[in-house]
PDB file of N, CA and C in Angstrom:
ATOM      1  N   ILE A   1     109.841  45.990 105.519  1.00  0.00           N
ATOM      2  CA  ILE A   1     108.573  47.254 106.143  1.00  0.00           C
ATOM      3  C   ILE A   1     107.722  46.344 107.172  1.00  0.00           C
ATOM      4  N   ILE A   2     107.419  45.144 106.509  1.00  0.00           N
ATOM      5  CA  ILE A   2     105.716  45.244 107.862  1.00  0.00           C
ATOM      6  C   ILE A   2     106.384  44.904 108.987  1.00  0.00           C
ATOM      7  N   ALA A   3     107.048  44.262 108.538  1.00  0.00           N
ATOM      8  CA  ALA A   3     107.842  42.939 110.158  1.00  0.00           C
ATOM      9  C   ALA A   3     107.887  44.381 111.567  1.00  0.00           C
ATOM     10  N   LEU A   4     109.364  45.317 110.085  1.00  0.00           N
ATOM     11  CA  LEU A   4     110.141  46.711 111.286  1.00  0.00           C
ATOM     12  C   LEU A   4     108.539  47.704 112.166  1.00  0.00           C
ATOM     13  N   ALA A   5     107.120  47.533 110.874  1.00  0.00           N
ATOM     14  CA  ALA A   5     105.759  48.283 111.440  1.00  0.00           C
ATOM     15  C   ALA A   5     105.517  47.926 112.510  1.00  0.00           C
ATOM     16  N   GLY A   6     105.788  46.759 112.188  1.00  0.00           N
ATOM     17  CA  GLY A   6     104.582  45.721 113.600  1.00  0.00           C
ATOM     18  C   GLY A   6     105.702  45.574 114.793  1.00  0.00           C
ATOM     19  N   GLN A   7     106.982  45.596 114.978  1.00  0.00           N
ATOM     20  CA  GLN A   7     107.826  45.828 115.530  1.00  0.00           C
ATOM     21  C   GLN A   7     107.416  46.927 116.634  1.00  0.00           C
ATOM     22  N   MET A   8     107.437  48.583 116.094  1.00  0.00           N
ATOM     23  CA  MET A   8     107.596  49.520 116.005  1.00  0.00           C
ATOM     24  C   MET A   8     105.827  49.783 117.068  1.00  0.00           C
ATOM     25  N   ASN A   9     104.848  49.229 116.248  1.00  0.00           N
ATOM     26  CA  ASN A   9     104.158  49.353 117.043  1.00  0.00           C
ATOM     27  C   ASN A   9     103.631  48.766 118.505  1.00  0.00           C
ATOM     28  N   ALA A  10     104.471  47.517 118.286  1.00  0.00           N
ATOM     29  CA  ALA A  10     104.835  46.722 119.335  1.00  0.00           C
ATOM     30  C   ALA A  10     105.624  47.730 120.857  1.00  0.00           C
ATOM     31  N   GLN A  11     107.007  47.860 120.695  1.00  0.00           N
ATOM     32  CA  GLN A  11     107.016  48.855 121.536  1.00  0.00           C
ATOM     33  C   GLN A  11     106.248  50.445 121.426  1.00  0.00           C
ATOM     34  N   PHE A  12     105.871  50.852 120.801  1.00  0.00           N
ATOM     35  CA  PHE A  12     104.479  51.946 120.980  1.00  0.00           C
ATOM     36  C   PHE A  12     103.260  51.568 122.344  1.00  0.00           C
ATOM     37  N   THR A  13     103.257  50.293 122.447  1.00  0.00           N
ATOM     38  CA  THR A  13     102.445  49.210 122.564  1.00  0.00           C
ATOM     39  C   THR A  13     102.655  49.112 124.623  1.00  0.00           C
ATOM     40  N   ILE A  14     104.145  49.009 124.128  1.00  0.00           N
ATOM     41  CA  ILE A  14     104.482  49.178 126.101  1.00  0.00           C
ATOM     42  C   ILE A  14     104.649  50.459 125.815  1.00  0.00           C
ATOM     43  N   ILE A  15     105.011  51.596 125.442  1.00  0.00           N
ATOM     44  CA  ILE A  15     105.529  52.569 126.316  1.00  0.00           C
ATOM     45  C   ILE A  15     104.329  53.226 126.611  1.00  0.00           C
ATOM     46  N   ASN A  16     102.990  53.364 126.147  1.00  0.00           N
ATOM     47  CA  ASN A  16     102.216  53.547 125.816  1.00  0.00           C
ATOM     48  C   ASN A  16     101.606  53.164 127.421  1.00  0.00           C
ATOM     49  N   GLN A  17     102.104  52.013 127.906  1.00  0.00           N
ATOM     50  CA  GLN A  17     100.991  50.576 129.131  1.00  0.00           C
ATOM     51  C   GLN A  17     102.698  51.782 130.344  1.00  0.00           C
ATOM     52  N   GLN A  18     103.250  51.868 129.846  1.00  0.00           N
ATOM     53  CA  GLN A  18     104.350  52.058 131.472  1.00  0.00           C
ATOM     54  C   GLN A  18     103.692  53.337 131.603  1.00  0.00           C
ATOM     55  N   PHE A  19     103.389  54.198 130.053  1.00  0.00           N
ATOM     56  CA  PHE A  19     102.961  55.847 130.277  1.00  0.00           C
ATOM     57  C   PHE A  19     102.283  55.572 131.337  1.00  0.00           C
ATOM     58  N   ASN A  20     100.848  55.034 131.034  1.00  0.00           N
ATOM     59  CA  ASN A  20      99.978  54.866 132.168  1.00  0.00           C
ATOM     60  C   ASN A  20      99.934  54.661 133.230  1.00  0.00           C
ATOM     61  N   ARG A  21     100.955  53.917 133.420  1.00  0.00           N
ATOM     62  CA  ARG A  21     101.315  53.004 134.910  1.00  0.00           C
ATOM     63  C   ARG A  21     102.109  54.174 136.011  1.00  0.00           C
ATOM     64  N   LEU A  22     102.637  55.405 134.809  1.00  0.00           N
ATOM     65  CA  LEU A  22     103.387  55.942 135.529  1.00  0.00           C
ATOM     66  C   LEU A  22     101.785  57.145 136.162  1.00  0.00           C
ATOM     67  N   ALA A  23     101.993  57.632 135.148  1.00  0.00           N
ATOM     68  CA  ALA A  23      99.959  58.250 135.436  1.00  0.00           C
ATOM     69  C   ALA A  23      99.527  57.758 136.304  1.00  0.00           C
ATOM     70  N   ALA A  24      99.180  56.781 136.337  1.00  0.00           N
ATOM     71  CA  ALA A  24      98.476  56.532 137.504  1.00  0.00           C
ATOM     72  C   ALA A  24      99.037  56.287 138.817  1.00  0.00           C
ATOM     73  N   GLN A  25     100.708  56.146 139.273  1.00  0.00           N
ATOM     74  CA  GLN A  25     101.317  56.175 140.574  1.00  0.00           C
ATOM     75  C   GLN A  25     101.573  57.661 140.554  1.00  0.00           C
ATOM     76  N   THR A  26     101.750  58.774 139.691  1.00  0.00           N
ATOM     77  CA  THR A  26     101.372  59.740 139.762  1.00  0.00           C
ATOM     78  C   THR A  26     100.572  60.735 140.676  1.00  0.00           C
ATOM     79  N   SER A  27      99.450  60.417 139.981  1.00  0.00           N
ATOM     80  CA  SER A  27      98.046  60.827 139.977  1.00  0.00           C
ATOM     81  C   SER A  27      97.857  59.598 142.167  1.00  0.00           C
ATOM     82  N   ASN A  28      98.769  59.044 142.450  1.00  0.00           N
ATOM     83  CA  ASN A  28      98.057  58.492 144.065  1.00  0.00           C
ATOM     84  C   ASN A  28      99.187  58.975 144.556  1.00  0.00           C
ATOM     85  N   SER A  29     100.448  59.580 144.200  1.00  0.00           N
ATOM     86  CA  SER A  29     101.188  60.273 145.261  1.00  0.00           C
ATOM     87  C   SER A  29     100.971  61.290 145.271  1.00  0.00           C
ATOM     88  N   CYS A  30      99.526  62.268 144.630  1.00  0.00           N
ATOM     89  CA  CYS A  30      99.264  63.388 144.416  1.00  0.00           C
ATOM     90  C   CYS A  30      97.436  63.163 145.881  1.00  0.00           C
ATOM     91  N   ILE A  31      97.755  62.244 145.814  1.00  0.00           N
ATOM     92  CA  ILE A  31      95.999  61.986 146.183  1.00  0.00           C
ATOM     93  C   ILE A  31      96.413  61.126 147.895  1.00  0.00           C
ATOM     94  N   LEU A  32      97.494  60.980 148.004  1.00  0.00           N
ATOM     95  CA  LEU A  32      98.262  60.157 148.929  1.00  0.00           C
ATOM     96  C   LEU A  32      98.290  61.686 150.282  1.00  0.00           C
ATOM     97  N   VAL A  33      99.026  62.251 149.603  1.00  0.00           N
ATOM     98  CA  VAL A  33      99.306  64.063 149.636  1.00  0.00           C
ATOM     99  C   VAL A  33      98.342  63.985 150.584  1.00  0.00           C
ATOM    100  N   PHE A  34      97.130  64.655 149.540  1.00  0.00           N
ATOM    101  CA  PHE A  34      95.278  65.124 149.871  1.00  0.00           C
ATOM    102  C   PHE A  34      94.611  64.537 150.874  1.00  0.00           C
ATOM    103  N   ASN A  35      94.948  62.678 150.829  1.00  0.00           N
ATOM    104  CA  ASN A  35      94.474  62.392 151.465  1.00  0.00           C
ATOM    105  C   ASN A  35      95.450  62.625 153.734  1.00  0.00           C
ATOM    106  N   HIS A  36      96.772  63.099 152.970  1.00  0.00           N
ATOM    107  CA  HIS A  36      97.453  63.434 153.890  1.00  0.00           C
ATOM    108  C   HIS A  36      97.076  63.992 154.727  1.00  0.00           C
ATOM    109  N   LEU A  37      96.445  65.474 154.407  1.00  0.00           N
ATOM    110  CA  LEU A  37      96.039  66.489 154.998  1.00  0.00           C
ATOM    111  C   LEU A  37      94.633  66.385 155.323  1.00  0.00           C
ATOM    112  N   LEU A  38      94.054  65.990 154.728  1.00  0.00           N
ATOM    113  CA  LEU A  38      92.405  65.546 155.618  1.00  0.00           C
ATOM    114  C   LEU A  38      92.216  65.929 157.010  1.00  0.00           C
ATOM    115  N   PRO A  39      91.284  66.536 157.425  1.00  0.00           N
ATOM    116  CA  PRO A  39      91.072  66.352 159.000  1.00  0.00           C
ATOM    117  C   PRO A  39      90.451  64.628 159.500  1.00  0.00           C
ATOM    118  N   VAL A  40      90.568  64.651 160.523  1.00  0.00           N
ATOM    119  CA  VAL A  40      90.260  62.576 161.187  1.00  0.00           C
ATOM    120  C   VAL A  40      89.283  62.820 161.073  1.00  0.00           C
ATOM    121  N   GLY A  41      88.435  61.940 159.901  1.00  0.00           N
ATOM    122  CA  GLY A  41      87.294  61.068 160.028  1.00  0.00           C
ATOM    123  C   GLY A  41      86.298  61.941 159.204  1.00  0.00           C
ATOM    124  N   MET A  42      87.323  62.781 158.189  1.00  0.00           N
ATOM    125  CA  MET A  42      87.274  62.930 156.627  1.00  0.00           C
ATOM    126  C   MET A  42      86.971  62.483 155.380  1.00  0.00           C
ATOM    127  N   GLY A  43      86.148  62.103 154.971  1.00  0.00           N
ATOM    128  CA  GLY A  43      86.250  60.836 154.105  1.00  0.00           C
ATOM    129  C   GLY A  43      87.387  61.045 152.997  1.00  0.00           C
ATOM    130  N   TYR A  44      88.288  59.490 153.281  1.00  0.00           N
ATOM    131  CA  TYR A  44      89.220  59.453 151.653  1.00  0.00           C
ATOM    132  C   TYR A  44      89.480  59.275 150.257  1.00  0.00           C
ATOM    133  N   GLN A  45      89.806  60.345 149.930  1.00  0.00           N
ATOM    134  CA  GLN A  45      89.882  60.096 148.332  1.00  0.00           C
ATOM    135  C   GLN A  45      91.056  58.564 147.645  1.00  0.00           C
ATOM    136  N   PRO A  46      89.992  57.244 146.948  1.00  0.00           N
ATOM    137  CA  PRO A  46      90.447  56.203 146.322  1.00  0.00           C
ATOM    138  C   PRO A  46      91.728  56.450 145.780  1.00  0.00           C
ATOM    139  N   LEU A  47      92.418  55.865 146.033  1.00  0.00           N
ATOM    140  CA  LEU A  47      93.575  55.400 144.934  1.00  0.00           C
ATOM    141  C   LEU A  47      92.964  55.012 144.015  1.00  0.00           C
ATOM    142  N   VAL A  48      93.455  55.356 143.304  1.00  0.00           N
ATOM    143  CA  VAL A  48      93.337  54.620 140.635  1.00  0.00           C
ATOM    144  C   VAL A  48      94.570  53.388 141.485  1.00  0.00           C
ATOM    145  N   LYS A  49      93.936  52.357 139.996  1.00  0.00           N
ATOM    146  CA  LYS A  49      94.410  51.527 139.815  1.00  0.00           C
ATOM    147  C   LYS A  49      95.962  51.344 139.149  1.00  0.00           C
ATOM    148  N   GLU A  50      96.797  50.557 139.489  1.00  0.00           N
ATOM    149  CA  GLU A  50      98.085  51.236 139.832  1.00  0.00           C
ATOM    150  C   GLU A  50      99.156  49.883 138.104  1.00  0.00           C
ATOM    151  N   THR A  51      97.858  48.272 138.474  1.00  0.00           N
ATOM    152  CA  THR A  51      98.810  47.431 138.007  1.00  0.00           C
ATOM    153  C   THR A  51      97.765  46.788 137.064  1.00  0.00           C
ATOM    154  N   PRO A  52      97.825  46.632 136.243  1.00  0.00           N
ATOM    155  CA  PRO A  52      97.161  45.895 135.063  1.00  0.00           C
ATOM    156  C   PRO A  52      96.811  44.213 135.873  1.00  0.00           C
ATOM    157  N   GLY A  53      95.317  44.481 134.774  1.00  0.00           N
ATOM    158  CA  GLY A  53      95.258  42.858 135.039  1.00  0.00           C
ATOM    159  C   GLY A  53      94.179  43.167 136.292  1.00  0.00           C
ATOM    160  N   SER A  54      93.920  41.491 136.604  1.00  0.00           N
ATOM    161  CA  SER A  54      92.794  41.546 138.122  1.00  0.00           C
ATOM    162  C   SER A  54      93.427  40.750 138.685  1.00  0.00           C
ATOM    163  N   GLY A  55      92.824  40.886 140.056  1.00  0.00           N
ATOM    164  CA  GLY A  55      93.985  40.274 141.320  1.00  0.00           C
ATOM    165  C   GLY A  55      92.934  39.427 141.266  1.00  0.00           C
ATOM    166  N   ILE A  56      92.091  38.560 140.746  1.00  0.00           N
ATOM    167  CA  ILE A  56      91.359  37.484 141.558  1.00  0.00           C
ATOM    168  C   ILE A  56      92.113  36.528 141.429  1.00  0.00           C
ATOM    169  N   GLY A  57      93.227  35.887 141.135  1.00  0.00           N
ATOM    170  CA  GLY A  57      93.810  34.798 141.728  1.00  0.00           C
ATOM    171  C   GLY A  57      94.542  35.092 142.796  1.00  0.00           C
ATOM    172  N   LEU A  58      94.898  36.377 143.533  1.00  0.00           N
ATOM    173  CA  LEU A  58      95.408  36.834 144.456  1.00  0.00           C
ATOM    174  C   LEU A  58      94.594  36.550 145.672  1.00  0.00           C
ATOM    175  N   ALA A  59      92.987  37.315 145.079  1.00  0.00           N
ATOM    176  CA  ALA A  59      91.805  37.676 146.388  1.00  0.00           C
ATOM    177  C   ALA A  59      91.394  35.561 146.970  1.00  0.00           C
ATOM    178  N   VAL A  60      91.538  34.651 145.597  1.00  0.00           N
ATOM    179  CA  VAL A  60      91.074  33.133 145.420  1.00  0.00           C
ATOM    180  C   VAL A  60      91.805  33.511 146.700  1.00  0.00           C
ATOM    181  N   GLN A  61      93.114  33.371 146.344  1.00  0.00           N
ATOM    182  CA  GLN A  61      94.442  32.493 147.105  1.00  0.00           C
ATOM    183  C   GLN A  61      93.960  32.954 149.308  1.00  0.00           C
ATOM    184  N   LEU A  62      93.843  34.613 149.547  1.00  0.00           N
ATOM    185  CA  LEU A  62      93.896  34.819 150.531  1.00  0.00           C
ATOM    186  C   LEU A  62      91.955  34.704 150.992  1.00  0.00           C
ATOM    187  N   ASN A  63      91.551  33.862 150.551  1.00  0.00           N
ATOM    188  CA  ASN A  63      90.024  33.494 151.149  1.00  0.00           C
ATOM    189  C   ASN A  63      90.629  32.295 151.545  1.00  0.00           C
ATOM    190  N   PRO A  64      89.553  32.259 153.453  1.00  0.00           N
ATOM    191  CA  PRO A  64      90.551  30.662 154.078  1.00  0.00           C
ATOM    192  C   PRO A  64      89.168  29.661 153.512  1.00  0.00           C
ATOM    193  N   PRO A  65      89.409  28.332 152.793  1.00  0.00           N
ATOM    194  CA  PRO A  65      89.120  27.967 152.962  1.00  0.00           C
ATOM    195  C   PRO A  65      87.771  26.911 153.809  1.00  0.00           C
ATOM    196  N   TRP A  66      87.572  27.908 154.395  1.00  0.00           N
ATOM    197  CA  TRP A  66      86.010  27.518 155.429  1.00  0.00           C
ATOM    198  C   TRP A  66      85.387  28.472 154.723  1.00  0.00           C
ATOM    199  N   LYS A  67      86.174  29.464 154.651  1.00  0.00           N
ATOM    200  CA  LYS A  67      84.697  30.809 154.113  1.00  0.00           C
ATOM    201  C   LYS A  67      84.385  31.160 152.812  1.00  0.00           C
ATOM    202  N   PRO A  68      82.930  30.700 152.573  1.00  0.00           N
ATOM    203  CA  PRO A  68      82.494  30.705 150.843  1.00  0.00           C
ATOM    204  C   PRO A  68      83.176  31.873 150.299  1.00  0.00           C
ATOM    205  N   THR A  69      84.003  32.002 148.999  1.00  0.00           N
ATOM    206  CA  THR A  69      84.238  32.422 148.272  1.00  0.00           C
ATOM    207  C   THR A  69      82.957  33.747 147.804  1.00  0.00           C
ATOM    208  N   SER A  70      82.861  35.218 147.969  1.00  0.00           N
ATOM    209  CA  SER A  70      82.279  35.548 147.881  1.00  0.00           C
ATOM    210  C   SER A  70      81.683  36.116 146.050  1.00  0.00           C
ATOM    211  N   PRO A  71      80.442  35.498 145.609  1.00  0.00           N
ATOM    212  CA  PRO A  71      80.491  35.539 144.131  1.00  0.00           C
ATOM    213  C   PRO A  71      80.860  37.459 143.155  1.00  0.00           C
ATOM    214  N   THR A  72      81.529  38.043 143.989  1.00  0.00           N
ATOM    215  CA  THR A  72      81.746  39.300 143.582  1.00  0.00           C
ATOM    216  C   THR A  72      83.621  39.364 143.188  1.00  0.00           C
ATOM    217  N   VAL A  73      83.562  38.675 144.767  1.00  0.00           N
ATOM    218  CA  VAL A  73      85.635  38.014 144.707  1.00  0.00           C
ATOM    219  C   VAL A  73      85.581  37.022 143.811  1.00  0.00           C
ATOM    220  N   GLY A  74      84.385  35.806 143.533  1.00  0.00           N
ATOM    221  CA  GLY A  74      85.008  34.841 142.593  1.00  0.00           C
ATOM    222  C   GLY A  74      84.980  34.463 141.116  1.00  0.00           C
ATOM    223  N   ASN A  75      84.002  35.289 141.494  1.00  0.00           N
ATOM    224  CA  ASN A  75      83.552  36.036 139.729  1.00  0.00           C
ATOM    225  C   ASN A  75      84.904  37.068 138.022  1.00  0.00           C
ATOM    226  N   PRO A  76      84.971  36.059 137.180  1.00  0.00           N
ATOM    227  CA  PRO A  76      85.634  36.408 136.846  1.00  0.00           C
ATOM    228  C   PRO A  76      85.288  38.183 135.997  1.00  0.00           C
ATOM    229  N   THR A  77      85.806  39.111 135.873  1.00  0.00           N
ATOM    230  CA  THR A  77      85.626  40.857 135.359  1.00  0.00           C
ATOM    231  C   THR A  77      85.899  40.939 134.552  1.00  0.00           C
ATOM    232  N   PRO A  78      85.838  42.268 133.524  1.00  0.00           N
ATOM    233  CA  PRO A  78      86.810  42.406 132.999  1.00  0.00           C
ATOM    234  C   PRO A  78      87.745  43.247 133.702  1.00  0.00           C
ATOM    235  N   SER A  79      89.230  43.493 133.823  1.00  0.00           N
ATOM    236  CA  SER A  79      89.315  44.482 134.729  1.00  0.00           C
ATOM    237  C   SER A  79      89.527  45.213 134.126  1.00  0.00           C
ATOM    238  N   ALA A  80      89.886  46.358 135.346  1.00  0.00           N
ATOM    239  CA  ALA A  80      89.847  47.841 135.292  1.00  0.00           C
ATOM    240  C   ALA A  80      91.012  48.377 134.455  1.00  0.00           C
ATOM    241  N   ALA A  81      90.474  49.332 133.838  1.00  0.00           N
ATOM    242  CA  ALA A  81      92.179  50.110 133.218  1.00  0.00           C
ATOM    243  C   ALA A  81      92.671  50.634 134.731  1.00  0.00           C
ATOM    244  N   LEU A  82      93.647  51.241 134.418  1.00  0.00           N
ATOM    245  CA  LEU A  82      94.607  51.990 135.030  1.00  0.00           C
ATOM    246  C   LEU A  82      93.471  53.239 135.522  1.00  0.00           C
ATOM    247  N   GLY A  83      94.479  54.116 136.242  1.00  0.00           N
ATOM    248  CA  GLY A  83      93.396  55.055 136.619  1.00  0.00           C
ATOM    249  C   GLY A  83      92.616  55.099 136.813  1.00  0.00           C
ATOM    250  N   GLN A  84      91.640  53.923 136.934  1.00  0.00           N
ATOM    251  CA  GLN A  84      90.265  54.315 137.818  1.00  0.00           C
ATOM    252  C   GLN A  84      90.144  54.002 139.191  1.00  0.00           C
ATOM    253  N   VAL A  85      89.008  54.475 139.552  1.00  0.00           N
ATOM    254  CA  VAL A  85      89.411  54.582 140.806  1.00  0.00           C
ATOM    255  C   VAL A  85      87.719  53.098 141.246  1.00  0.00           C
ATOM    256  N   PRO A  86      87.478  52.114 142.159  1.00  0.00           N
ATOM    257  CA  PRO A  86      86.501  50.844 142.374  1.00  0.00           C
ATOM    258  C   PRO A  86      85.110  51.625 142.361  1.00  0.00           C
ATOM    259  N   PRO A  87      84.459  50.933 141.893  1.00  0.00           N
ATOM    260  CA  PRO A  87      83.643  51.502 142.404  1.00  0.00           C
ATOM    261  C   PRO A  87      82.194  51.434 143.393  1.00  0.00           C
ATOM    262  N   PHE A  88      83.159  50.485 144.026  1.00  0.00           N
ATOM    263  CA  PHE A  88      82.577  50.679 145.803  1.00  0.00           C
ATOM    264  C   PHE A  88      83.308  51.045 146.921  1.00  0.00           C
ATOM    265  N   HIS A  89      83.919  51.665 146.212  1.00  0.00           N
ATOM    266  CA  HIS A  89      84.557  52.794 147.320  1.00  0.00           C
ATOM    267  C   HIS A  89      83.482  53.040 148.891  1.00  0.00           C
ATOM    268  N   ASN A  90      83.764  52.850 149.848  1.00  0.00           N
ATOM    269  CA  ASN A  90      83.672  53.062 150.849  1.00  0.00           C
ATOM    270  C   ASN A  90      83.876  54.410 151.584  1.00  0.00           C
ATOM    271  N   VAL A  91      83.609  55.814 151.749  1.00  0.00           N
ATOM    272  CA  VAL A  91      84.441  56.711 152.634  1.00  0.00           C
ATOM    273  C   VAL A  91      84.797  56.650 154.188  1.00  0.00           C
ATOM    274  N   ASN A  92      83.932  55.213 154.776  1.00  0.00           N
ATOM    275  CA  ASN A  92      84.032  54.776 156.409  1.00  0.00           C
ATOM    276  C   ASN A  92      84.748  54.061 155.666  1.00  0.00           C
ATOM    277  N   ILE A  93      86.034  54.197 156.292  1.00  0.00           N
ATOM    278  CA  ILE A  93      87.123  52.720 155.049  1.00  0.00           C
ATOM    279  C   ILE A  93      87.011  52.073 156.880  1.00  0.00           C
ATOM    280  N   ASN A  94      86.484  51.919 158.175  1.00  0.00           N
ATOM    281  CA  ASN A  94      85.555  51.844 159.193  1.00  0.00           C
ATOM    282  C   ASN A  94      84.796  49.772 159.102  1.00  0.00           C
ATOM    283  N   SER A  95      83.531  50.736 157.928  1.00  0.00           N
ATOM    284  CA  SER A  95      83.201  50.037 157.350  1.00  0.00           C
ATOM    285  C   SER A  95      82.766  48.388 156.658  1.00  0.00           C
ATOM    286  N   TYR A  96      84.500  48.677 155.664  1.00  0.00           N
ATOM    287  CA  TYR A  96      84.974  47.217 155.394  1.00  0.00           C
ATOM    288  C   TYR A  96      84.893  46.215 156.293  1.00  0.00           C
ATOM    289  N   HIS A  97      84.321  45.144 155.897  1.00  0.00           N
ATOM    290  CA  HIS A  97      85.237  43.809 155.631  1.00  0.00           C
ATOM    291  C   HIS A  97      86.002  42.542 154.765  1.00  0.00           C
ATOM    292  N   HIS A  98      85.958  41.317 155.448  1.00  0.00           N
ATOM    293  CA  HIS A  98      86.695  40.465 155.410  1.00  0.00           C
ATOM    294  C   HIS A  98      86.189  40.494 153.247  1.00  0.00           C
ATOM    295  N   ARG A  99      85.623  39.986 152.628  1.00  0.00           N
ATOM    296  CA  ARG A  99      84.701  40.208 151.497  1.00  0.00           C
ATOM    297  C   ARG A  99      85.045  41.455 150.638  1.00  0.00           C
ATOM    298  N   ASP A 100      85.403  42.797 151.505  1.00  0.00           N
ATOM    299  CA  ASP A 100      85.079  44.404 150.665  1.00  0.00           C
ATOM    300  C   ASP A 100      86.686  44.449 150.414  1.00  0.00           C
ATOM    301  N   ILE A 101      87.359  43.487 151.066  1.00  0.00           N
ATOM    302  CA  ILE A 101      89.104  43.715 151.340  1.00  0.00           C
ATOM    303  C   ILE A 101      89.807  42.957 150.214  1.00  0.00           C
ATOM    304  N   LEU A 102      88.355  41.154 150.146  1.00  0.00           N
ATOM    305  CA  LEU A 102      89.200  41.047 148.808  1.00  0.00           C
ATOM    306  C   LEU A 102      88.633  41.317 147.584  1.00  0.00           C
ATOM    307  N   ARG A 103      88.152  42.326 147.791  1.00  0.00           N
ATOM    308  CA  ARG A 103      87.092  42.877 146.208  1.00  0.00           C
ATOM    309  C   ARG A 103      88.402  44.064 145.932  1.00  0.00           C
ATOM    310  N   PHE A 104      89.048  44.574 146.972  1.00  0.00           N
ATOM    311  CA  PHE A 104      89.579  45.848 146.578  1.00  0.00           C
ATOM    312  C   PHE A 104      91.374  45.579 146.375  1.00  0.00           C
ATOM    313  N   ILE A 105      91.381  43.871 146.544  1.00  0.00           N
ATOM    314  CA  ILE A 105      92.729  43.211 146.021  1.00  0.00           C
ATOM    315  C   ILE A 105      92.579  42.367 144.648  1.00  0.00           C
ATOM    316  N   LYS A 106      91.581  42.285 144.092  1.00  0.00           N
ATOM    317  CA  LYS A 106      90.807  42.221 142.682  1.00  0.00           C
ATOM    318  C   LYS A 106      90.622  43.365 142.333  1.00  0.00           C
ATOM    319  N   PHE A 107      90.172  44.159 142.403  1.00  0.00           N
ATOM    320  CA  PHE A 107      90.832  45.574 141.396  1.00  0.00           C
ATOM    321  C   PHE A 107      91.666  46.133 141.171  1.00  0.00           C
ATOM    322  N   TYR A 108      92.163  46.148 142.636  1.00  0.00           N
ATOM    323  CA  TYR A 108      94.185  46.385 142.125  1.00  0.00           C
ATOM    324  C   TYR A 108      95.130  45.743 141.460  1.00  0.00           C
ATOM    325  N   ASN A 109      94.548  44.706 141.587  1.00  0.00           N
ATOM    326  CA  ASN A 109      95.372  43.630 141.640  1.00  0.00           C
ATOM    327  C   ASN A 109      96.731  43.908 142.631  1.00  0.00           C
ATOM    328  N   ASP A 110      96.347  43.975 143.657  1.00  0.00           N
ATOM    329  CA  ASP A 110      97.561  44.036 144.367  1.00  0.00           C
ATOM    330  C   ASP A 110      97.284  42.873 145.665  1.00  0.00           C
ATOM    331  N   SER A 111      98.094  42.590 146.787  1.00  0.00           N
ATOM    332  CA  SER A 111      97.951  41.383 148.075  1.00  0.00           C
ATOM    333  C   SER A 111      97.844  43.304 148.820  1.00  0.00           C
ATOM    334  N   PHE A 112      98.225  44.518 148.440  1.00  0.00           N
ATOM    335  CA  PHE A 112      98.871  44.753 149.391  1.00  0.00           C
ATOM    336  C   PHE A 112     100.154  44.756 151.077  1.00  0.00           C
ATOM    337  N   GLY A 113     100.135  43.442 150.206  1.00  0.00           N
ATOM    338  CA  GLY A 113     101.307  42.655 151.595  1.00  0.00           C
ATOM    339  C   GLY A 113     100.679  41.831 152.583  1.00  0.00           C
ATOM    340  N   ILE A 114      98.882  41.776 152.381  1.00  0.00           N
ATOM    341  CA  ILE A 114      98.273  40.683 153.096  1.00  0.00           C
ATOM    342  C   ILE A 114      98.543  39.239 152.339  1.00  0.00           C
ATOM    343  N   VAL A 115      99.432  38.091 153.315  1.00  0.00           N
ATOM    344  CA  VAL A 115      99.540  36.991 153.600  1.00  0.00           C
ATOM    345  C   VAL A 115      98.692  36.073 154.054  1.00  0.00           C
ATOM    346  N   PHE A 116      98.429  34.664 153.349  1.00  0.00           N
ATOM    347  CA  PHE A 116      97.203  34.210 154.099  1.00  0.00           C
ATOM    348  C   PHE A 116      97.632  33.199 155.285  1.00  0.00           C
ATOM    349  N   GLY A 117      96.857  33.910 156.641  1.00  0.00           N
ATOM    350  CA  GLY A 117      96.642  33.292 157.838  1.00  0.00           C
ATOM    351  C   GLY A 117      96.598  35.062 158.638  1.00  0.00           C
ATOM    352  N   ASP A 118      96.558  36.070 157.281  1.00  0.00           N
ATOM    353  CA  ASP A 118      96.570  37.534 158.308  1.00  0.00           C
ATOM    354  C   ASP A 118      94.952  38.201 158.785  1.00  0.00           C
ATOM    355  N   GLU A 119      94.861  38.315 159.645  1.00  0.00           N
ATOM    356  CA  GLU A 119      92.719  38.127 160.379  1.00  0.00           C
ATOM    357  C   GLU A 119      93.009  40.554 158.766  1.00  0.00           C
ATOM    358  N   LEU A 120      91.931  39.839 158.547  1.00  0.00           N
ATOM    359  CA  LEU A 120      91.109  40.475 158.012  1.00  0.00           C
ATOM    360  C   LEU A 120      90.215  41.297 158.040  1.00  0.00           C
TER     361      LEU A 120
END
């Protein structure tokens, strides 16, 4: 019975993680529609985190070797929970620099299709 309870608990944990990811994806679908309807120049609402874990490995891989890794990118920090938005989001997306993009990659645990050598 104890082994069965342990298996059920593990399955419930997986189901809960899948539900949280689905909830984040659903939120992002709504946010994308909302942002699409905004007039040009209005501040976009940031997407929520969909992928568990930290993207520090992705961010460090995309940082050119000749550019020092920013402490906000290279330092391991606890990863955000699914459904959270980055606290450093700026509605002026034109103000983002290389290190800001790397911070987003680290936060979202997503490279957004960016590969080493792309201009950021």
